[in-house]
């Protein structure tokens, strides 16, 4: 086991590390954008519901 540990070398190419960092950042950005869009969608839905409750004639029930 000692031989294996001493002779095992893990090396990363600099481009692979940079690519990994960029990929992680891209995934993080998309997750944050999805969360923000969900909040905006919920806020807009609440505004639509409030409008429909205030104006029952405009709810499409003619």
PDB file of N, CA and C in Angstrom:
ATOM      1  N   UNK A   1       0.825  -1.190   0.000  1.00  0.00           N
ATOM      2  CA  UNK A   1       0.000   0.000   0.000  1.00  0.00           C
ATOM      3  C   UNK A   1       0.868   1.253   0.000  1.00  0.00           C
ATOM      4  N   UNK A   2       1.925   1.240   0.730  1.00  0.00           N
ATOM      5  CA  UNK A   2       2.840   2.384   0.779  1.00  0.00           C
ATOM      6  C   UNK A   2       3.413   2.679  -0.607  1.00  0.00           C
ATOM      7  N   UNK A   3       3.740   1.641  -1.360  1.00  0.00           N
ATOM      8  CA  UNK A   3       4.263   1.807  -2.712  1.00  0.00           C
ATOM      9  C   UNK A   3       3.240   2.528  -3.591  1.00  0.00           C
ATOM     10  N   UNK A   4       1.989   2.115  -3.474  1.00  0.00           N
ATOM     11  CA  UNK A   4       0.928   2.724  -4.267  1.00  0.00           C
ATOM     12  C   UNK A   4       0.755   4.201  -3.927  1.00  0.00           C
ATOM     13  N   UNK A   5       0.783   4.511  -2.650  1.00  0.00           N
ATOM     14  CA  UNK A   5       0.617   5.901  -2.223  1.00  0.00           C
ATOM     15  C   UNK A   5       1.796   6.761  -2.691  1.00  0.00           C
ATOM     16  N   UNK A   6       2.997   6.233  -2.595  1.00  0.00           N
ATOM     17  CA  UNK A   6       4.174   7.002  -2.977  1.00  0.00           C
ATOM     18  C   UNK A   6       4.256   7.229  -4.483  1.00  0.00           C
ATOM     19  N   UNK A   7       3.746   6.305  -5.266  1.00  0.00           N
ATOM     20  CA  UNK A   7       3.893   6.402  -6.704  1.00  0.00           C
ATOM     21  C   UNK A   7       2.621   6.862  -7.426  1.00  0.00           C
ATOM     22  N   UNK A   8       1.617   7.199  -6.672  1.00  0.00           N
ATOM     23  CA  UNK A   8       0.404   7.726  -7.280  1.00  0.00           C
ATOM     24  C   UNK A   8       0.543   9.237  -7.369  1.00  0.00           C
ATOM     25  N   UNK A   9       0.367   9.721  -8.546  1.00  0.00           N
ATOM     26  CA  UNK A   9       0.500  11.160  -8.763  1.00  0.00           C
ATOM     27  C   UNK A   9      -0.760  11.652  -9.462  1.00  0.00           C
ATOM     28  N   UNK A  10      -1.415  12.604  -8.844  1.00  0.00           N
ATOM     29  CA  UNK A  10      -2.601  13.196  -9.450  1.00  0.00           C
ATOM     30  C   UNK A  10      -2.194  14.562  -9.970  1.00  0.00           C
ATOM     31  N   UNK A  11      -2.300  14.723 -11.246  1.00  0.00           N
ATOM     32  CA  UNK A  11      -1.947  16.020 -11.822  1.00  0.00           C
ATOM     33  C   UNK A  11      -3.100  16.502 -12.693  1.00  0.00           C
ATOM     34  N   UNK A  12      -3.290  17.801 -12.687  1.00  0.00           N
ATOM     35  CA  UNK A  12      -4.347  18.404 -13.475  1.00  0.00           C
ATOM     36  C   UNK A  12      -3.719  19.337 -14.497  1.00  0.00           C
ATOM     37  N   UNK A  13      -4.250  19.280 -15.664  1.00  0.00           N
ATOM     38  CA  UNK A  13      -3.861  20.236 -16.688  1.00  0.00           C
ATOM     39  C   UNK A  13      -4.500  21.568 -16.321  1.00  0.00           C
ATOM     40  N   UNK A  14      -3.792  22.659 -16.506  1.00  0.00           N
ATOM     41  CA  UNK A  14      -4.298  23.977 -16.130  1.00  0.00           C
ATOM     42  C   UNK A  14      -5.591  24.302 -16.871  1.00  0.00           C
ATOM     43  N   UNK A  15      -5.711  23.864 -18.116  1.00  0.00           N
ATOM     44  CA  UNK A  15      -6.932  24.124 -18.884  1.00  0.00           C
ATOM     45  C   UNK A  15      -8.110  23.337 -18.333  1.00  0.00           C
ATOM     46  N   UNK A  16      -7.854  22.157 -17.817  1.00  0.00           N
ATOM     47  CA  UNK A  16      -8.932  21.370 -17.222  1.00  0.00           C
ATOM     48  C   UNK A  16      -9.438  22.030 -15.948  1.00  0.00           C
ATOM     49  N   UNK A  17      -8.546  22.583 -15.155  1.00  0.00           N
ATOM     50  CA  UNK A  17      -8.941  23.265 -13.925  1.00  0.00           C
ATOM     51  C   UNK A  17      -9.732  24.524 -14.254  1.00  0.00           C
ATOM     52  N   UNK A  18      -9.261  25.282 -15.228  1.00  0.00           N
ATOM     53  CA  UNK A  18      -9.973  26.496 -15.627  1.00  0.00           C
ATOM     54  C   UNK A  18     -11.362  26.150 -16.160  1.00  0.00           C
ATOM     55  N   UNK A  19     -11.450  25.120 -16.958  1.00  0.00           N
ATOM     56  CA  UNK A  19     -12.733  24.688 -17.506  1.00  0.00           C
ATOM     57  C   UNK A  19     -13.678  24.244 -16.392  1.00  0.00           C
ATOM     58  N   UNK A  20     -13.162  23.546 -15.412  1.00  0.00           N
ATOM     59  CA  UNK A  20     -13.988  23.112 -14.286  1.00  0.00           C
ATOM     60  C   UNK A  20     -14.528  24.303 -13.512  1.00  0.00           C
ATOM     61  N   UNK A  21     -13.685  25.299 -13.274  1.00  0.00           N
ATOM     62  CA  UNK A  21     -14.126  26.496 -12.557  1.00  0.00           C
ATOM     63  C   UNK A  21     -15.202  27.226 -13.354  1.00  0.00           C
ATOM     64  N   UNK A  22     -15.003  27.365 -14.654  1.00  0.00           N
ATOM     65  CA  UNK A  22     -15.998  28.035 -15.496  1.00  0.00           C
ATOM     66  C   UNK A  22     -17.313  27.269 -15.494  1.00  0.00           C
ATOM     67  N   UNK A  23     -17.250  25.968 -15.564  1.00  0.00           N
ATOM     68  CA  UNK A  23     -18.457  25.150 -15.542  1.00  0.00           C
ATOM     69  C   UNK A  23     -19.211  25.295 -14.227  1.00  0.00           C
ATOM     70  N   UNK A  24     -18.495  25.276 -13.130  1.00  0.00           N
ATOM     71  CA  UNK A  24     -19.133  25.449 -11.823  1.00  0.00           C
ATOM     72  C   UNK A  24     -19.784  26.827 -11.724  1.00  0.00           C
ATOM     73  N   UNK A  25     -19.104  27.847 -12.214  1.00  0.00           N
ATOM     74  CA  UNK A  25     -19.678  29.199 -12.192  1.00  0.00           C
ATOM     75  C   UNK A  25     -20.930  29.292 -13.063  1.00  0.00           C
ATOM     76  N   UNK A  26     -20.890  28.675 -14.220  1.00  0.00           N
ATOM     77  CA  UNK A  26     -22.051  28.708 -15.112  1.00  0.00           C
ATOM     78  C   UNK A  26     -23.255  28.023 -14.468  1.00  0.00           C
ATOM     79  N   UNK A  27     -23.036  26.889 -13.845  1.00  0.00           N
ATOM     80  CA  UNK A  27     -24.131  26.181 -13.172  1.00  0.00           C
ATOM     81  C   UNK A  27     -24.688  27.037 -12.036  1.00  0.00           C
ATOM     82  N   UNK A  28     -23.811  27.676 -11.288  1.00  0.00           N
ATOM     83  CA  UNK A  28     -24.258  28.533 -10.187  1.00  0.00           C
ATOM     84  C   UNK A  28     -25.094  29.698 -10.709  1.00  0.00           C
ATOM     85  N   UNK A  29     -24.668  30.298 -11.809  1.00  0.00           N
ATOM     86  CA  UNK A  29     -25.419  31.420 -12.390  1.00  0.00           C
ATOM     87  C   UNK A  29     -26.808  30.961 -12.832  1.00  0.00           C
ATOM     88  N   UNK A  30     -26.891  29.821 -13.480  1.00  0.00           N
ATOM     89  CA  UNK A  30     -28.198  29.330 -13.918  1.00  0.00           C
ATOM     90  C   UNK A  30     -29.107  28.992 -12.743  1.00  0.00           C
ATOM     91  N   UNK A  31     -28.560  28.465 -11.671  1.00  0.00           N
ATOM     92  CA  UNK A  31     -29.372  28.162 -10.491  1.00  0.00           C
ATOM     93  C   UNK A  31     -29.909  29.449  -9.877  1.00  0.00           C
ATOM     94  N   UNK A  32     -29.058  30.458  -9.747  1.00  0.00           N
ATOM     95  CA  UNK A  32     -29.492  31.738  -9.173  1.00  0.00           C
ATOM     96  C   UNK A  32     -30.546  32.388 -10.066  1.00  0.00           C
ATOM     97  N   UNK A  33     -30.340  32.347 -11.380  1.00  0.00           N
ATOM     98  CA  UNK A  33     -31.331  32.926 -12.295  1.00  0.00           C
ATOM     99  C   UNK A  33     -32.667  32.208 -12.193  1.00  0.00           C
ATOM    100  N   UNK A  34     -32.641  30.896 -12.065  1.00  0.00           N
ATOM    101  CA  UNK A  34     -33.884  30.134 -11.944  1.00  0.00           C
ATOM    102  C   UNK A  34     -34.624  30.508 -10.664  1.00  0.00           C
ATOM    103  N   UNK A  35     -33.900  30.659  -9.571  1.00  0.00           N
ATOM    104  CA  UNK A  35     -34.522  31.048  -8.302  1.00  0.00           C
ATOM    105  C   UNK A  35     -35.126  32.445  -8.422  1.00  0.00           C
ATOM    106  N   UNK A  36     -34.388  33.379  -9.020  1.00  0.00           N
ATOM    107  CA  UNK A  36     -34.904  34.743  -9.178  1.00  0.00           C
ATOM    108  C   UNK A  36     -36.128  34.776 -10.088  1.00  0.00           C
ATOM    109  N   UNK A  37     -36.111  34.010 -11.169  1.00  0.00           N
ATOM    110  CA  UNK A  37     -37.267  33.980 -12.071  1.00  0.00           C
ATOM    111  C   UNK A  37     -38.484  33.366 -11.375  1.00  0.00           C
ATOM    112  N   UNK A  38     -38.273  32.393 -10.527  1.00  0.00           N
ATOM    113  CA  UNK A  38     -39.382  31.790  -9.774  1.00  0.00           C
ATOM    114  C   UNK A  38     -40.010  32.838  -8.850  1.00  0.00           C
ATOM    115  N   UNK A  39     -39.171  33.637  -8.189  1.00  0.00           N
ATOM    116  CA  UNK A  39     -39.693  34.697  -7.316  1.00  0.00           C
ATOM    117  C   UNK A  39     -40.485  35.723  -8.117  1.00  0.00           C
ATOM    118  N   UNK A  40     -39.943  36.133  -9.271  1.00  0.00           N
ATOM    119  CA  UNK A  40     -40.655  37.105 -10.107  1.00  0.00           C
ATOM    120  C   UNK A  40     -41.977  36.536 -10.593  1.00  0.00           C
ATOM    121  N   UNK A  41     -41.989  35.270 -10.963  1.00  0.00           N
ATOM    122  CA  UNK A  41     -43.215  34.636 -11.433  1.00  0.00           C
ATOM    123  C   UNK A  41     -44.256  34.613 -10.315  1.00  0.00           C
ATOM    124  N   UNK A  42     -43.833  34.272  -9.106  1.00  0.00           N
ATOM    125  CA  UNK A  42     -44.766  34.250  -7.978  1.00  0.00           C
ATOM    126  C   UNK A  42     -45.300  35.648  -7.679  1.00  0.00           C
ATOM    127  N   UNK A  43     -44.417  36.659  -7.748  1.00  0.00           N
ATOM    128  CA  UNK A  43     -44.863  38.037  -7.510  1.00  0.00           C
ATOM    129  C   UNK A  43     -45.873  38.479  -8.565  1.00  0.00           C
ATOM    130  N   UNK A  44     -45.599  38.174  -9.819  1.00  0.00           N
ATOM    131  CA  UNK A  44     -46.540  38.543 -10.880  1.00  0.00           C
ATOM    132  C   UNK A  44     -47.867  37.804 -10.732  1.00  0.00           C
ATOM    133  N   UNK A  45     -47.809  36.556 -10.339  1.00  0.00           N
ATOM    134  CA  UNK A  45     -49.044  35.798 -10.133  1.00  0.00           C
ATOM    135  C   UNK A  45     -49.852  36.393  -8.984  1.00  0.00           C
ATOM    136  N   UNK A  46     -49.172  36.829  -7.926  1.00  0.00           N
ATOM    137  CA  UNK A  46     -49.867  37.487  -6.818  1.00  0.00           C
ATOM    138  C   UNK A  46     -50.514  38.789  -7.283  1.00  0.00           C
ATOM    139  N   UNK A  47     -49.814  39.559  -8.119  1.00  0.00           N
ATOM    140  CA  UNK A  47     -50.386  40.801  -8.630  1.00  0.00           C
ATOM    141  C   UNK A  47     -51.606  40.521  -9.502  1.00  0.00           C
ATOM    142  N   UNK A  48     -51.550  39.489 -10.309  1.00  0.00           N
ATOM    143  CA  UNK A  48     -52.699  39.127 -11.151  1.00  0.00           C
ATOM    144  C   UNK A  48     -53.874  38.705 -10.279  1.00  0.00           C
ATOM    145  N   UNK A  49     -53.604  37.915  -9.257  1.00  0.00           N
ATOM    146  CA  UNK A  49     -54.680  37.481  -8.353  1.00  0.00           C
ATOM    147  C   UNK A  49     -55.307  38.662  -7.621  1.00  0.00           C
ATOM    148  N   UNK A  50     -54.474  39.618  -7.177  1.00  0.00           N
ATOM    149  CA  UNK A  50     -55.010  40.803  -6.507  1.00  0.00           C
ATOM    150  C   UNK A  50     -55.874  41.619  -7.460  1.00  0.00           C
ATOM    151  N   UNK A  51     -55.410  41.778  -8.680  1.00  0.00           N
ATOM    152  CA  UNK A  51     -56.174  42.525  -9.671  1.00  0.00           C
ATOM    153  C   UNK A  51     -57.508  41.841  -9.952  1.00  0.00           C
ATOM    154  N   UNK A  52     -57.477  40.520 -10.092  1.00  0.00           N
ATOM    155  CA  UNK A  52     -58.717  39.788 -10.358  1.00  0.00           C
ATOM    156  C   UNK A  52     -59.687  39.881  -9.188  1.00  0.00           C
ATOM    157  N   UNK A  53     -59.178  39.916  -7.966  1.00  0.00           N
ATOM    158  CA  UNK A  53     -60.053  40.023  -6.800  1.00  0.00           C
ATOM    159  C   UNK A  53     -60.664  41.412  -6.677  1.00  0.00           C
ATOM    160  N   UNK A  54     -59.915  42.446  -7.095  1.00  0.00           N
ATOM    161  CA  UNK A  54     -60.430  43.811  -7.032  1.00  0.00           C
ATOM    162  C   UNK A  54     -61.418  44.101  -8.158  1.00  0.00           C
ATOM    163  N   UNK A  55     -61.210  43.467  -9.318  1.00  0.00           N
ATOM    164  CA  UNK A  55     -62.028  43.714 -10.491  1.00  0.00           C
ATOM    165  C   UNK A  55     -62.632  42.407 -10.990  1.00  0.00           C
ATOM    166  N   UNK A  56     -63.704  41.959 -10.380  1.00  0.00           N
ATOM    167  CA  UNK A  56     -64.278  40.672 -10.806  1.00  0.00           C
ATOM    168  C   UNK A  56     -64.824  40.706 -12.237  1.00  0.00           C
ATOM    169  N   UNK A  57     -65.145  41.887 -12.768  1.00  0.00           N
ATOM    170  CA  UNK A  57     -65.654  41.962 -14.138  1.00  0.00           C
ATOM    171  C   UNK A  57     -64.572  41.693 -15.159  1.00  0.00           C
ATOM    172  N   UNK A  58     -63.318  41.967 -14.826  1.00  0.00           N
ATOM    173  CA  UNK A  58     -62.229  41.800 -15.791  1.00  0.00           C
ATOM    174  C   UNK A  58     -61.597  40.414 -15.706  1.00  0.00           C
ATOM    175  N   UNK A  59     -62.169  39.532 -14.925  1.00  0.00           N
ATOM    176  CA  UNK A  59     -61.592  38.201 -14.743  1.00  0.00           C
ATOM    177  C   UNK A  59     -61.919  37.292 -15.906  1.00  0.00           C
ATOM    178  N   UNK A  60     -62.648  37.768 -16.885  1.00  0.00           N
ATOM    179  CA  UNK A  60     -62.988  36.941 -18.035  1.00  0.00           C
ATOM    180  C   UNK A  60     -64.325  36.246 -17.884  1.00  0.00           C
ATOM    181  N   UNK A  61     -65.058  36.567 -16.836  1.00  0.00           N
ATOM    182  CA  UNK A  61     -66.385  35.975 -16.596  1.00  0.00           C
ATOM    183  C   UNK A  61     -67.447  36.950 -17.064  1.00  0.00           C
ATOM    184  N   UNK A  62     -67.791  36.893 -18.310  1.00  0.00           N
ATOM    185  CA  UNK A  62     -68.787  37.823 -18.857  1.00  0.00           C
ATOM    186  C   UNK A  62     -70.132  37.190 -18.884  1.00  0.00           C
TER     187      UNK A  62
END
